[in-house]
């Protein structure tokens, strides 16, 4: 009788272990599914971050190009300002020269009339 009770206890324990094993298998499958889902989500997140990095890199390159263009335009503007200053000086010099020549002509015409020409 003791053997029968021990055997029944082992059967109960076996049934309990089998039940726990089945529950563990179900839990393992749930965890695997969760890991796959998180893996997929992580991959999507990585792709989104890679796209963002590419966009930021493109923006940075455009900014660098824009800054280079601005620097070039500023240099050209400075050159044009220098040329304008030189032209103003040249123009003033030519006006002075014209004025001096006009004075000389007036004086020579006046002297010509004075001498009875």
N, C-alpha and C. Protein backbone atom coordinates (compact mmCIF):
# COMPACT_ATOMS: atom_id res chain seq x y z
N UNK A 1 0.81 -1.18 0.00
CA UNK A 1 0.00 0.00 0.00
C UNK A 1 0.86 1.26 0.00
N UNK A 2 1.96 1.21 0.72
CA UNK A 2 2.85 2.35 0.76
C UNK A 2 3.45 2.59 -0.62
N UNK A 3 3.75 1.49 -1.32
CA UNK A 3 4.30 1.62 -2.66
C UNK A 3 3.28 2.27 -3.60
N UNK A 4 2.01 1.89 -3.40
CA UNK A 4 0.96 2.46 -4.24
C UNK A 4 0.83 3.94 -3.98
N UNK A 5 0.91 4.37 -2.72
CA UNK A 5 0.79 5.79 -2.38
C UNK A 5 1.99 6.57 -2.92
N UNK A 6 3.16 5.94 -2.80
CA UNK A 6 4.35 6.60 -3.34
C UNK A 6 4.23 6.72 -4.86
N UNK A 7 3.73 5.72 -5.48
CA UNK A 7 3.56 5.73 -6.92
C UNK A 7 2.53 6.78 -7.33
N UNK A 8 1.44 6.86 -6.60
CA UNK A 8 0.41 7.87 -6.88
C UNK A 8 0.98 9.27 -6.67
N UNK A 9 1.79 9.43 -5.63
CA UNK A 9 2.42 10.73 -5.37
C UNK A 9 3.35 11.10 -6.53
N UNK A 10 4.09 10.09 -7.03
CA UNK A 10 4.98 10.35 -8.16
C UNK A 10 4.18 10.71 -9.41
N UNK A 11 3.04 10.04 -9.59
CA UNK A 11 2.19 10.34 -10.74
C UNK A 11 1.67 11.76 -10.63
N UNK A 12 1.24 12.14 -9.42
CA UNK A 12 0.75 13.51 -9.20
C UNK A 12 1.89 14.50 -9.45
N UNK A 13 3.07 14.16 -8.90
CA UNK A 13 4.23 15.04 -9.12
C UNK A 13 4.56 15.12 -10.61
N UNK A 14 4.50 13.97 -11.29
CA UNK A 14 4.79 13.94 -12.71
C UNK A 14 3.80 14.81 -13.48
N UNK A 15 2.53 14.68 -13.14
CA UNK A 15 1.49 15.47 -13.80
C UNK A 15 1.73 16.96 -13.54
N UNK A 16 2.13 17.25 -12.30
CA UNK A 16 2.41 18.64 -11.94
C UNK A 16 3.62 19.15 -12.74
N UNK A 17 4.67 18.35 -12.85
CA UNK A 17 5.87 18.73 -13.60
C UNK A 17 5.53 18.91 -15.07
N UNK A 18 4.72 17.99 -15.62
CA UNK A 18 4.31 18.10 -17.02
C UNK A 18 3.53 19.38 -17.23
N UNK A 19 2.64 19.70 -16.30
CA UNK A 19 1.84 20.92 -16.39
C UNK A 19 2.75 22.15 -16.34
N UNK A 20 3.72 22.12 -15.41
CA UNK A 20 4.66 23.24 -15.30
C UNK A 20 5.52 23.35 -16.57
N UNK A 21 5.90 22.20 -17.10
CA UNK A 21 6.69 22.18 -18.33
C UNK A 21 5.90 22.79 -19.48
N UNK A 22 4.64 22.43 -19.62
CA UNK A 22 3.78 23.00 -20.66
C UNK A 22 3.63 24.51 -20.48
N UNK A 23 3.43 24.92 -19.22
CA UNK A 23 3.32 26.35 -18.93
C UNK A 23 4.63 27.07 -19.30
N UNK A 24 5.76 26.43 -18.99
CA UNK A 24 7.06 27.01 -19.32
C UNK A 24 7.23 27.11 -20.84
N UNK A 25 6.78 26.08 -21.58
CA UNK A 25 6.87 26.12 -23.04
C UNK A 25 6.05 27.28 -23.60
N UNK A 26 4.83 27.45 -23.06
CA UNK A 26 3.97 28.56 -23.49
C UNK A 26 4.66 29.89 -23.20
N UNK A 27 5.23 30.01 -22.00
CA UNK A 27 5.92 31.24 -21.60
C UNK A 27 7.12 31.50 -22.52
N UNK A 28 7.87 30.44 -22.85
CA UNK A 28 9.02 30.58 -23.75
C UNK A 28 8.57 31.08 -25.11
N UNK A 29 7.48 30.53 -25.64
CA UNK A 29 6.96 30.97 -26.94
C UNK A 29 6.52 32.44 -26.87
N UNK A 30 5.87 32.82 -25.77
CA UNK A 30 5.47 34.22 -25.60
C UNK A 30 6.69 35.13 -25.58
N UNK A 31 7.72 34.71 -24.85
CA UNK A 31 8.94 35.52 -24.76
C UNK A 31 9.64 35.61 -26.12
N UNK A 32 9.66 34.49 -26.87
CA UNK A 32 10.26 34.51 -28.20
C UNK A 32 9.52 35.49 -29.11
N UNK A 33 8.18 35.44 -29.02
CA UNK A 33 7.36 36.34 -29.83
C UNK A 33 7.65 37.80 -29.45
N UNK A 34 7.76 38.04 -28.14
CA UNK A 34 8.04 39.39 -27.66
C UNK A 34 9.42 39.85 -28.15
N UNK A 35 10.41 38.97 -28.09
CA UNK A 35 11.76 39.31 -28.55
C UNK A 35 11.75 39.62 -30.05
N UNK A 36 11.03 38.81 -30.84
CA UNK A 36 10.95 39.07 -32.28
C UNK A 36 10.29 40.42 -32.54
N UNK A 37 9.23 40.71 -31.80
CA UNK A 37 8.54 41.98 -31.95
C UNK A 37 9.46 43.15 -31.60
N UNK A 38 10.17 43.02 -30.48
CA UNK A 38 11.10 44.08 -30.08
C UNK A 38 12.24 44.21 -31.09
N UNK A 39 12.68 43.08 -31.64
CA UNK A 39 13.73 43.10 -32.65
C UNK A 39 13.26 43.86 -33.89
N UNK A 40 12.04 43.55 -34.34
CA UNK A 40 11.48 44.26 -35.49
C UNK A 40 11.36 45.75 -35.20
N UNK A 41 10.87 46.08 -34.02
CA UNK A 41 10.73 47.48 -33.63
C UNK A 41 12.10 48.16 -33.60
N UNK A 42 13.09 47.47 -33.07
CA UNK A 42 14.45 48.03 -33.00
C UNK A 42 15.00 48.28 -34.40
N UNK A 43 14.76 47.33 -35.31
CA UNK A 43 15.23 47.51 -36.69
C UNK A 43 14.58 48.72 -37.33
N UNK A 44 13.27 48.87 -37.12
CA UNK A 44 12.56 50.03 -37.66
C UNK A 44 13.12 51.31 -37.08
N UNK A 45 13.38 51.30 -35.79
CA UNK A 45 13.92 52.48 -35.11
C UNK A 45 15.31 52.82 -35.66
N UNK A 46 16.13 51.80 -35.87
CA UNK A 46 17.47 52.01 -36.42
C UNK A 46 17.38 52.60 -37.83
N UNK A 47 16.47 52.08 -38.65
CA UNK A 47 16.29 52.63 -40.00
C UNK A 47 15.85 54.08 -39.95
N UNK A 48 14.93 54.39 -39.04
CA UNK A 48 14.46 55.77 -38.91
C UNK A 48 15.62 56.68 -38.48
N UNK A 49 16.43 56.20 -37.55
CA UNK A 49 17.58 56.99 -37.11
C UNK A 49 18.60 57.17 -38.23
N UNK A 50 18.81 56.12 -39.03
CA UNK A 50 19.74 56.23 -40.15
C UNK A 50 19.24 57.27 -41.16
N UNK A 51 17.94 57.27 -41.43
CA UNK A 51 17.37 58.27 -42.33
C UNK A 51 17.57 59.67 -41.77
N UNK A 52 17.33 59.82 -40.47
CA UNK A 52 17.51 61.12 -39.84
C UNK A 52 18.96 61.57 -39.94
N UNK A 53 19.89 60.66 -39.71
CA UNK A 53 21.31 61.00 -39.81
C UNK A 53 21.64 61.44 -41.24
N UNK A 54 21.11 60.74 -42.23
CA UNK A 54 21.36 61.11 -43.62
C UNK A 54 20.80 62.49 -43.93
N UNK A 55 19.58 62.77 -43.44
CA UNK A 55 18.98 64.08 -43.67
C UNK A 55 19.81 65.18 -43.00
N UNK A 56 20.24 64.92 -41.77
CA UNK A 56 21.05 65.91 -41.07
C UNK A 56 22.38 66.12 -41.78
N UNK A 57 22.96 65.05 -42.29
CA UNK A 57 24.22 65.17 -43.03
C UNK A 57 24.01 66.01 -44.30
N UNK A 58 22.90 65.75 -45.01
CA UNK A 58 22.59 66.54 -46.21
C UNK A 58 22.41 68.01 -45.85
N UNK A 59 21.70 68.28 -44.75
CA UNK A 59 21.51 69.67 -44.32
C UNK A 59 22.85 70.32 -43.99
N UNK A 60 23.71 69.56 -43.33
CA UNK A 60 25.03 70.09 -42.98
C UNK A 60 25.82 70.41 -44.24
N UNK A 61 25.76 69.52 -45.23
CA UNK A 61 26.49 69.76 -46.48
C UNK A 61 25.93 70.99 -47.19
N UNK A 62 24.61 71.13 -47.20
CA UNK A 62 24.00 72.30 -47.83
C UNK A 62 24.41 73.57 -47.09
N UNK A 63 24.47 73.48 -45.76
CA UNK A 63 24.88 74.64 -44.97
C UNK A 63 26.32 75.02 -45.29
N UNK A 64 27.18 74.02 -45.40
CA UNK A 64 28.59 74.28 -45.74
C UNK A 64 28.68 74.91 -47.12
N UNK A 65 27.91 74.37 -48.08
CA UNK A 65 27.90 74.94 -49.43
C UNK A 65 27.39 76.37 -49.41
N UNK A 66 26.32 76.60 -48.65
CA UNK A 66 25.75 77.94 -48.55
C UNK A 66 26.76 78.90 -47.92
N UNK A 67 27.43 78.45 -46.87
CA UNK A 67 28.44 79.30 -46.24
C UNK A 67 29.56 79.62 -47.21
N UNK A 68 29.97 78.63 -48.00
CA UNK A 68 31.02 78.86 -48.99
C UNK A 68 30.55 79.86 -50.03
N UNK A 69 29.30 79.70 -50.49
CA UNK A 69 28.74 80.64 -51.46
C UNK A 69 28.69 82.05 -50.87
N UNK A 70 28.27 82.15 -49.62
CA UNK A 70 28.19 83.46 -48.96
C UNK A 70 29.57 84.08 -48.86
N UNK A 71 30.58 83.29 -48.48
CA UNK A 71 31.94 83.81 -48.37
C UNK A 71 32.43 84.29 -49.74
N UNK A 72 32.16 83.50 -50.78
CA UNK A 72 32.57 83.89 -52.12
C UNK A 72 31.88 85.18 -52.54
N UNK A 73 30.59 85.28 -52.28
CA UNK A 73 29.84 86.49 -52.64
C UNK A 73 30.33 87.70 -51.85
N UNK A 74 30.69 87.48 -50.58
CA UNK A 74 31.23 88.59 -49.79
C UNK A 74 32.56 89.06 -50.35
N UNK A 75 33.41 88.12 -50.78
CA UNK A 75 34.69 88.51 -51.39
C UNK A 75 34.45 89.28 -52.69
N UNK A 76 33.51 88.79 -53.51
CA UNK A 76 33.19 89.49 -54.76
C UNK A 76 32.65 90.88 -54.47
N UNK A 77 31.79 90.98 -53.46
CA UNK A 77 31.24 92.28 -53.07
C UNK A 77 32.35 93.22 -52.64
N UNK A 78 33.29 92.72 -51.85
CA UNK A 78 34.41 93.54 -51.39
C UNK A 78 35.24 94.01 -52.59
N UNK A 79 35.47 93.10 -53.54
CA UNK A 79 36.20 93.47 -54.75
C UNK A 79 35.47 94.55 -55.53
N UNK A 80 34.15 94.39 -55.66
CA UNK A 80 33.35 95.39 -56.37
C UNK A 80 33.38 96.73 -55.64
N UNK A 81 33.33 96.69 -54.31
CA UNK A 81 33.41 97.94 -53.54
C UNK A 81 34.76 98.62 -53.77
N UNK A 82 35.83 97.82 -53.80
CA UNK A 82 37.16 98.38 -54.06
C UNK A 82 37.23 98.97 -55.46
N UNK A 83 36.66 98.27 -56.44
CA UNK A 83 36.64 98.79 -57.81
C UNK A 83 35.83 100.08 -57.87
N UNK A 84 34.71 100.12 -57.16
CA UNK A 84 33.88 101.33 -57.14
C UNK A 84 34.66 102.49 -56.54
N UNK A 85 35.40 102.23 -55.46
CA UNK A 85 36.22 103.29 -54.85
C UNK A 85 37.27 103.78 -55.83
N UNK A 86 37.92 102.85 -56.53
CA UNK A 86 38.94 103.24 -57.52
C UNK A 86 38.31 104.06 -58.64
N UNK A 87 37.13 103.64 -59.11
CA UNK A 87 36.44 104.39 -60.17
C UNK A 87 36.03 105.79 -59.69
N UNK A 88 35.61 105.91 -58.44
CA UNK A 88 35.26 107.23 -57.89
C UNK A 88 36.48 108.14 -57.88
N UNK A 89 37.62 107.58 -57.43
CA UNK A 89 38.86 108.37 -57.39
C UNK A 89 39.26 108.78 -58.80
N UNK A 90 39.17 107.84 -59.74
CA UNK A 90 39.52 108.13 -61.12
C UNK A 90 38.59 109.18 -61.70
N UNK A 91 37.29 109.05 -61.38
CA UNK A 91 36.30 110.01 -61.87
C UNK A 91 36.59 111.41 -61.32
N UNK A 92 36.92 111.49 -60.03
CA UNK A 92 37.25 112.79 -59.43
C UNK A 92 38.49 113.39 -60.09
N UNK A 93 39.47 112.55 -60.35
CA UNK A 93 40.70 113.01 -61.00
C UNK A 93 40.40 113.52 -62.40
N UNK A 94 39.56 112.79 -63.14
CA UNK A 94 39.20 113.22 -64.49
C UNK A 94 38.39 114.52 -64.47
N UNK A 95 37.50 114.66 -63.51
CA UNK A 95 36.74 115.92 -63.38
C UNK A 95 37.67 117.10 -63.11
N UNK A 96 38.64 116.88 -62.23
CA UNK A 96 39.61 117.93 -61.91
C UNK A 96 40.41 118.28 -63.15
N UNK A 97 40.83 117.24 -63.88
CA UNK A 97 41.60 117.46 -65.10
C UNK A 97 40.77 118.22 -66.13
N UNK A 98 39.49 117.85 -66.29
CA UNK A 98 38.59 118.56 -67.20
C UNK A 98 38.42 120.01 -66.79
N UNK A 99 38.26 120.19 -65.49
CA UNK A 99 38.10 121.56 -64.98
C UNK A 99 39.35 122.39 -65.26
N UNK A 100 40.52 121.80 -65.01
CA UNK A 100 41.78 122.50 -65.27
C UNK A 100 41.93 122.81 -66.75
N UNK A 101 41.58 121.84 -67.60
CA UNK A 101 41.68 122.06 -69.05
C UNK A 101 40.70 123.15 -69.50
N UNK A 102 39.52 123.16 -68.92
CA UNK A 102 38.54 124.19 -69.26
C UNK A 102 39.06 125.56 -68.85
N UNK A 103 39.68 125.65 -67.69
CA UNK A 103 40.26 126.92 -67.23
C UNK A 103 41.37 127.38 -68.18
N UNK A 104 42.21 126.44 -68.57
CA UNK A 104 43.31 126.78 -69.49
C UNK A 104 42.74 127.27 -70.81
N UNK A 105 41.70 126.61 -71.29
CA UNK A 105 41.10 127.01 -72.57
C UNK A 105 40.49 128.40 -72.45
N UNK A 106 39.79 128.65 -71.35
CA UNK A 106 39.20 129.97 -71.15
C UNK A 106 40.29 131.03 -71.13
N UNK A 107 41.36 130.73 -70.41
CA UNK A 107 42.46 131.70 -70.33
C UNK A 107 43.11 131.91 -71.69
N UNK A 108 43.29 130.81 -72.43
CA UNK A 108 43.94 130.95 -73.74
C UNK A 108 43.03 131.70 -74.71
N UNK A 109 41.71 131.44 -74.64
CA UNK A 109 40.77 132.17 -75.49
C UNK A 109 40.77 133.64 -75.11
N UNK A 110 40.80 133.91 -73.84
CA UNK A 110 40.80 135.29 -73.34
C UNK A 110 42.08 136.00 -73.79
N UNK A 111 43.19 135.31 -73.65
CA UNK A 111 44.47 135.91 -74.05
C UNK A 111 44.50 136.12 -75.55
N UNK A 112 43.92 135.23 -76.32
CA UNK A 112 43.89 135.34 -77.76
C UNK A 112 43.13 136.59 -78.17
N UNK A 113 41.97 136.83 -77.47
CA UNK A 113 41.18 138.02 -77.78
C UNK A 113 41.89 139.28 -77.32
N UNK A 114 42.61 139.14 -76.20
CA UNK A 114 43.32 140.30 -75.67
C UNK A 114 44.44 140.73 -76.61
N UNK A 115 45.03 139.81 -77.27
CA UNK A 115 46.16 140.11 -78.15
C UNK A 115 45.68 140.52 -79.54
N UNK A 116 44.39 140.50 -79.73
CA UNK A 116 43.83 140.97 -80.98
C UNK A 116 43.78 139.90 -82.05
N UNK A 117 43.68 138.66 -81.65
CA UNK A 117 43.71 137.56 -82.56
C UNK A 117 42.55 137.40 -83.36
